[in-house]
Amino acid sequence: MRFAPAIPVARLAVRGGGPAAGGERLAAEEVPVAIAYAGRVHAVLMATPADIEDLAVGFTLTEGIARTAADIGGVEVLSRRDGLVARVWLGQGRHGAPEARRRAMAGGSGCGLCGVASLAEAVRPPPRVPPGGRFRAADVAAAMAAMGARQELGAATRAAHAAALWRPGEGCVALREDVGRHNALDKLAGALARAGGAGGAGGLVALSSRVSVEMVQKAARIGAAGIVAVSAPTALAVRTAEAAGLTLVAVAREDGFEVFAGAGRLAHA
């Protein structure tokens, strides 16, 4: 069965306390996506059925199941009546890695750490991001504007998050969307890994969501220099960004933003 990223659904518009018009609205789709290694399902995510190869690769990398894209032998996406299965082949020596961070069988589209089997795994130390990188206030604004301009699914449905990588001098390098904010970031990670090159190095990860700890952990694994988000971070996300050496900018609006970690990278912080 084929799944579309968005489908029309019937709705009745109510204006001024009464019905105004019938018709349809485009709604973002979400379906179960099973991520499987060695024929065994590791996690089931509720996700937008687009860029599933990117999702599988990104999830595998940001969850620490594989260290680099070279550890992933391939991805096959199979369509089932009730969802999708992404079968991931790992390279030699990585076959036992999924068990170290096994999840419960299902997680909602808004859930980043649902079902992680131990408390220690939920708050595992992030990798340190490479030093360097310098950003101006104008760069922060440019990253958020570039992300907003390319949110096609979000604009059409008002129900999708986005994650983008922006670099000074290059602009928006890549962007992915999904009903789940964690899925969007994993799709971005996968897209960068599959494209080769520098990954997230020297760039800002722009997010349309709040910043929780797993978003910081995933951005650090991408190797990004910083995060810029439209909403606020959690306290644990701030501490984790500091531990990773990651610049954390949030509450980014047209009239300014707030810096919670790594202010030294900002030219006029």
Protein backbone atom coordinates (compact mmCIF):
# COMPACT_ATOMS: atom_id res chain seq x y z
CA MET A 1 0.00 0.00 0.00
CA ARG A 2 1.24 3.47 -0.86
CA PHE A 3 1.00 6.24 1.71
CA ALA A 4 0.94 9.95 0.90
CA PRO A 5 2.54 12.57 3.20
CA ALA A 6 -0.76 14.45 3.30
CA ILE A 7 -4.34 13.68 2.27
CA PRO A 8 -7.56 15.74 2.04
CA VAL A 9 -10.02 15.27 4.90
CA ALA A 10 -13.57 16.57 5.20
CA ARG A 11 -14.18 19.39 7.64
CA LEU A 12 -16.83 21.91 8.63
CA ALA A 13 -15.54 25.42 9.27
CA VAL A 14 -17.20 27.35 12.10
CA ARG A 15 -16.89 31.12 12.14
CA GLY A 16 -18.56 33.60 14.46
CA GLY A 17 -20.18 30.83 16.44
CA GLY A 18 -21.87 29.15 13.49
CA PRO A 19 -21.09 26.94 10.49
CA ALA A 20 -19.50 28.87 7.64
CA ALA A 21 -18.45 26.34 5.03
CA GLY A 22 -17.86 22.67 4.39
CA GLY A 23 -15.25 21.24 2.11
CA GLU A 24 -11.84 19.76 2.75
CA ARG A 25 -8.51 20.51 4.40
CA LEU A 26 -5.15 18.91 3.63
CA ALA A 27 -4.07 16.87 6.67
CA ALA A 28 -0.58 15.56 7.38
CA GLU A 29 -0.54 11.77 7.44
CA GLU A 30 1.09 9.66 10.15
CA VAL A 31 1.64 5.93 9.93
CA PRO A 32 3.52 3.34 12.00
CA VAL A 33 7.10 2.97 10.79
CA ALA A 34 8.98 -0.03 12.17
CA ILE A 35 12.79 0.20 12.29
CA ALA A 36 14.26 -3.30 12.14
CA TYR A 37 17.79 -4.67 12.45
CA ALA A 38 18.74 -8.26 11.63
CA GLY A 39 15.07 -9.06 11.08
CA ARG A 40 14.04 -7.84 14.54
CA VAL A 41 11.95 -4.72 15.15
CA HIS A 42 13.82 -2.27 17.36
CA ALA A 43 11.28 0.58 17.48
CA VAL A 44 7.99 1.63 15.94
CA LEU A 45 7.63 5.36 15.27
CA MET A 46 4.52 7.27 14.26
CA ALA A 47 5.85 9.30 11.35
CA THR A 48 5.00 11.09 8.13
CA PRO A 49 5.42 8.55 5.28
CA ALA A 50 8.09 10.48 3.37
CA ASP A 51 11.90 10.30 3.36
CA ILE A 52 11.76 7.00 5.25
CA GLU A 53 15.28 5.99 4.17
CA ASP A 54 16.55 9.23 5.70
CA LEU A 55 14.56 8.51 8.87
CA ALA A 56 16.01 5.00 9.20
CA VAL A 57 19.60 6.12 8.63
CA GLY A 58 19.26 9.17 10.87
CA PHE A 59 17.61 7.19 13.68
CA THR A 60 20.37 4.59 13.47
CA LEU A 61 23.06 7.27 13.77
CA THR A 62 21.51 9.62 16.33
CA GLU A 63 20.57 6.71 18.60
CA GLY A 64 24.19 5.54 18.53
CA ILE A 65 23.36 2.19 16.95
CA ALA A 66 25.90 2.98 14.21
CA ARG A 67 28.79 5.40 14.60
CA THR A 68 29.03 6.53 10.99
CA ALA A 69 27.14 6.12 7.75
CA ALA A 70 29.81 3.62 6.67
CA ASP A 71 28.52 1.25 9.40
CA ILE A 72 25.16 1.04 7.59
CA GLY A 73 25.12 -1.45 4.76
CA GLY A 74 21.76 -0.48 3.33
CA VAL A 75 18.08 0.28 3.94
CA GLU A 76 15.02 -1.34 2.41
CA VAL A 77 11.56 0.16 2.96
CA LEU A 78 8.65 -2.26 2.73
CA SER A 79 5.04 -1.17 2.51
CA ARG A 80 2.45 -3.06 4.53
CA ARG A 81 -1.29 -2.56 4.78
CA ASP A 82 -1.02 -0.93 8.21
CA GLY A 83 2.31 0.87 7.88
CA LEU A 84 5.93 0.75 6.73
CA VAL A 85 8.94 -1.34 7.70
CA ALA A 86 12.47 0.05 7.30
CA ARG A 87 14.94 -2.84 7.30
CA VAL A 88 18.45 -1.62 8.12
CA TRP A 89 21.56 -3.69 7.45
CA LEU A 90 24.51 -2.97 9.71
CA GLY A 91 28.14 -3.54 8.87
CA GLN A 92 30.46 -6.08 10.45
CA GLY A 93 30.76 -5.71 14.21
CA ARG A 94 27.56 -3.64 14.68
CA HIS A 95 25.03 -6.47 14.85
CA GLY A 96 24.66 -6.37 18.62
CA ALA A 97 24.49 -2.59 18.88
CA PRO A 98 20.68 -2.22 18.74
CA GLU A 99 20.26 -4.20 21.95
CA ALA A 100 22.29 -1.64 23.90
CA ARG A 101 19.56 0.93 23.38
CA ARG A 102 16.45 -1.07 22.81
CA ARG A 103 13.10 0.71 22.86
CA ALA A 104 9.60 -0.42 23.57
CA MET A 105 7.62 -1.48 20.56
CA ALA A 106 5.88 1.82 19.94
CA GLY A 107 6.37 5.54 20.41
CA GLY A 108 4.07 8.41 19.51
CA SER A 109 4.91 11.06 16.97
CA GLY A 110 5.73 13.47 19.79
CA CYS A 111 7.85 10.99 21.74
CA GLY A 112 11.62 10.98 21.51
CA LEU A 113 12.64 8.64 24.31
CA CYS A 114 9.51 6.48 24.71
CA GLY A 115 10.37 3.03 25.92
CA VAL A 116 14.12 3.40 26.39
CA ALA A 117 14.89 0.49 28.66
CA SER A 118 17.05 2.21 31.30
CA LEU A 119 17.31 5.59 32.97
CA ALA A 120 21.02 5.75 32.17
CA GLU A 121 20.33 5.40 28.45
CA ALA A 122 17.76 8.20 28.57
CA VAL A 123 20.31 10.71 29.88
CA ARG A 124 23.48 9.32 28.30
CA PRO A 125 26.29 11.90 27.89
CA PRO A 126 26.31 13.50 24.43
CA PRO A 127 29.43 13.55 22.27
CA ARG A 128 31.42 16.80 22.29
CA VAL A 129 30.86 18.77 19.13
CA PRO A 130 33.91 20.01 17.19
CA PRO A 131 35.23 23.40 18.37
CA GLY A 132 34.96 26.48 16.20
CA GLY A 133 32.19 28.10 14.26
CA ARG A 134 31.11 31.69 14.59
CA PHE A 135 27.65 33.17 14.14
CA ARG A 136 26.13 36.63 14.09
CA ALA A 137 22.66 37.63 15.20
CA ALA A 138 21.80 38.03 11.53
CA ASP A 139 22.80 34.39 10.94
CA VAL A 140 20.31 33.21 13.54
CA ALA A 141 17.54 35.20 11.89
CA ALA A 142 18.58 33.96 8.45
CA ALA A 143 18.51 30.31 9.59
CA MET A 144 15.00 30.60 10.97
CA ALA A 145 13.74 32.49 7.92
CA ALA A 146 15.24 29.93 5.55
CA MET A 147 13.60 27.08 7.45
CA GLY A 148 10.22 28.78 7.40
CA ALA A 149 10.40 29.47 3.69
CA ARG A 150 10.98 25.79 2.87
CA GLN A 151 8.35 24.20 5.12
CA GLU A 152 6.07 23.01 2.34
CA LEU A 153 4.24 20.32 4.31
CA GLY A 154 3.93 22.59 7.32
CA ALA A 155 2.50 25.40 5.22
CA ALA A 156 0.01 23.06 3.55
CA THR A 157 -1.19 21.29 6.70
CA ARG A 158 -0.17 23.39 9.74
CA ALA A 159 0.64 20.06 11.37
CA ALA A 160 4.29 19.27 10.62
CA HIS A 161 7.58 20.12 12.30
CA ALA A 162 10.78 20.92 10.43
CA ALA A 163 14.48 20.49 11.08
CA ALA A 164 17.02 22.20 8.83
CA LEU A 165 20.78 22.66 8.67
CA TRP A 166 21.97 26.19 7.91
CA ARG A 167 25.59 27.23 7.36
CA PRO A 168 27.09 30.72 6.97
CA GLY A 169 27.87 31.32 3.33
CA GLU A 170 25.77 28.34 2.19
CA GLY A 171 22.31 28.98 3.59
CA CYS A 172 19.87 26.13 4.13
CA VAL A 173 21.80 22.97 3.22
CA ALA A 174 18.97 20.50 3.87
CA LEU A 175 15.51 20.38 5.43
CA ARG A 176 13.14 17.59 6.40
CA GLU A 177 9.59 17.64 7.78
CA ASP A 178 7.51 15.24 9.85
CA VAL A 179 4.57 15.21 12.24
CA GLY A 180 7.12 14.33 14.94
CA ARG A 181 9.89 16.79 15.82
CA HIS A 182 12.32 13.98 16.64
CA ASN A 183 11.51 12.26 13.35
CA ALA A 184 12.17 15.50 11.44
CA LEU A 185 15.60 15.78 13.07
CA ASP A 186 16.39 12.12 12.40
CA LYS A 187 15.37 12.58 8.75
CA LEU A 188 17.71 15.58 8.54
CA ALA A 189 20.53 13.54 10.08
CA GLY A 190 19.91 10.76 7.58
CA ALA A 191 19.79 13.13 4.62
CA LEU A 192 23.13 14.68 5.63
CA ALA A 193 24.75 11.28 6.16
CA ARG A 194 23.52 9.90 2.85
CA ALA A 195 24.77 12.99 1.02
CA GLY A 196 28.27 12.58 2.44
CA GLY A 197 30.38 15.68 3.03
CA ALA A 198 30.71 17.54 6.31
CA GLY A 199 27.43 16.48 7.93
CA GLY A 200 26.39 19.11 10.46
CA ALA A 201 29.88 20.54 11.03
CA GLY A 202 29.96 24.32 11.27
CA GLY A 203 26.20 24.60 10.95
CA LEU A 204 23.13 25.52 12.94
CA VAL A 205 20.27 23.05 13.30
CA ALA A 206 17.08 25.10 12.99
CA LEU A 207 14.01 23.63 14.71
CA SER A 208 10.34 24.55 14.52
CA SER A 209 9.79 23.10 17.99
CA ARG A 210 10.86 23.31 21.60
CA VAL A 211 14.25 21.89 22.59
CA SER A 212 14.21 18.81 24.81
CA VAL A 213 17.22 16.75 25.82
CA GLU A 214 17.01 14.20 23.01
CA MET A 215 16.98 16.98 20.40
CA VAL A 216 20.29 18.22 21.83
CA GLN A 217 21.70 14.68 21.91
CA LYS A 218 20.76 14.13 18.26
CA ALA A 219 22.14 17.52 17.15
CA ALA A 220 25.42 16.73 18.91
CA ARG A 221 25.67 13.40 17.11
CA ILE A 222 25.20 15.23 13.80
CA GLY A 223 28.20 17.35 14.81
CA ALA A 224 26.37 20.66 14.47
CA ALA A 225 27.84 23.74 16.13
CA GLY A 226 24.51 24.90 17.47
CA ILE A 227 20.72 24.73 17.63
CA VAL A 228 18.29 27.53 16.89
CA ALA A 229 14.68 26.87 17.91
CA VAL A 230 11.44 28.78 17.83
CA SER A 231 10.42 27.63 21.33
CA ALA A 232 12.14 27.31 24.69
CA PRO A 233 14.47 24.56 25.95
CA THR A 234 14.08 22.37 28.99
CA ALA A 235 16.55 22.75 31.85
CA LEU A 236 18.07 19.34 31.07
CA ALA A 237 18.47 20.34 27.43
CA VAL A 238 20.47 23.40 28.54
CA ARG A 239 22.76 21.30 30.76
CA THR A 240 23.23 18.76 27.99
CA ALA A 241 24.10 21.47 25.44
CA GLU A 242 26.68 22.85 27.85
CA ALA A 243 28.19 19.38 28.31
CA ALA A 244 28.36 18.90 24.54
CA GLY A 245 29.87 22.32 23.84
CA LEU A 246 26.85 23.10 21.69
CA THR A 247 25.50 26.61 21.23
CA LEU A 248 21.81 26.67 22.17
CA VAL A 249 19.66 29.53 20.90
CA ALA A 250 15.92 29.42 21.51
CA VAL A 251 12.79 31.56 21.65
CA ALA A 252 13.95 32.87 18.27
CA ARG A 253 11.60 35.55 16.97
CA GLU A 254 11.84 38.33 14.41
CA ASP A 255 12.82 40.81 17.13
CA GLY A 256 15.48 38.68 18.80
CA PHE A 257 16.34 35.44 20.58
CA GLU A 258 17.72 34.03 23.82
CA VAL A 259 21.08 32.23 24.23
CA PHE A 260 21.17 29.42 26.82
CA ALA A 261 24.54 27.76 26.15
CA GLY A 262 27.68 28.35 24.09
CA ALA A 263 27.33 32.12 23.81
CA GLY A 264 31.00 32.38 22.84
CA ARG A 265 30.18 31.37 19.27
CA LEU A 266 27.99 34.45 18.80
CA ALA A 267 29.85 37.47 17.52
CA HIS A 268 27.60 39.89 19.44
CA ALA A 269 26.13 37.63 22.17
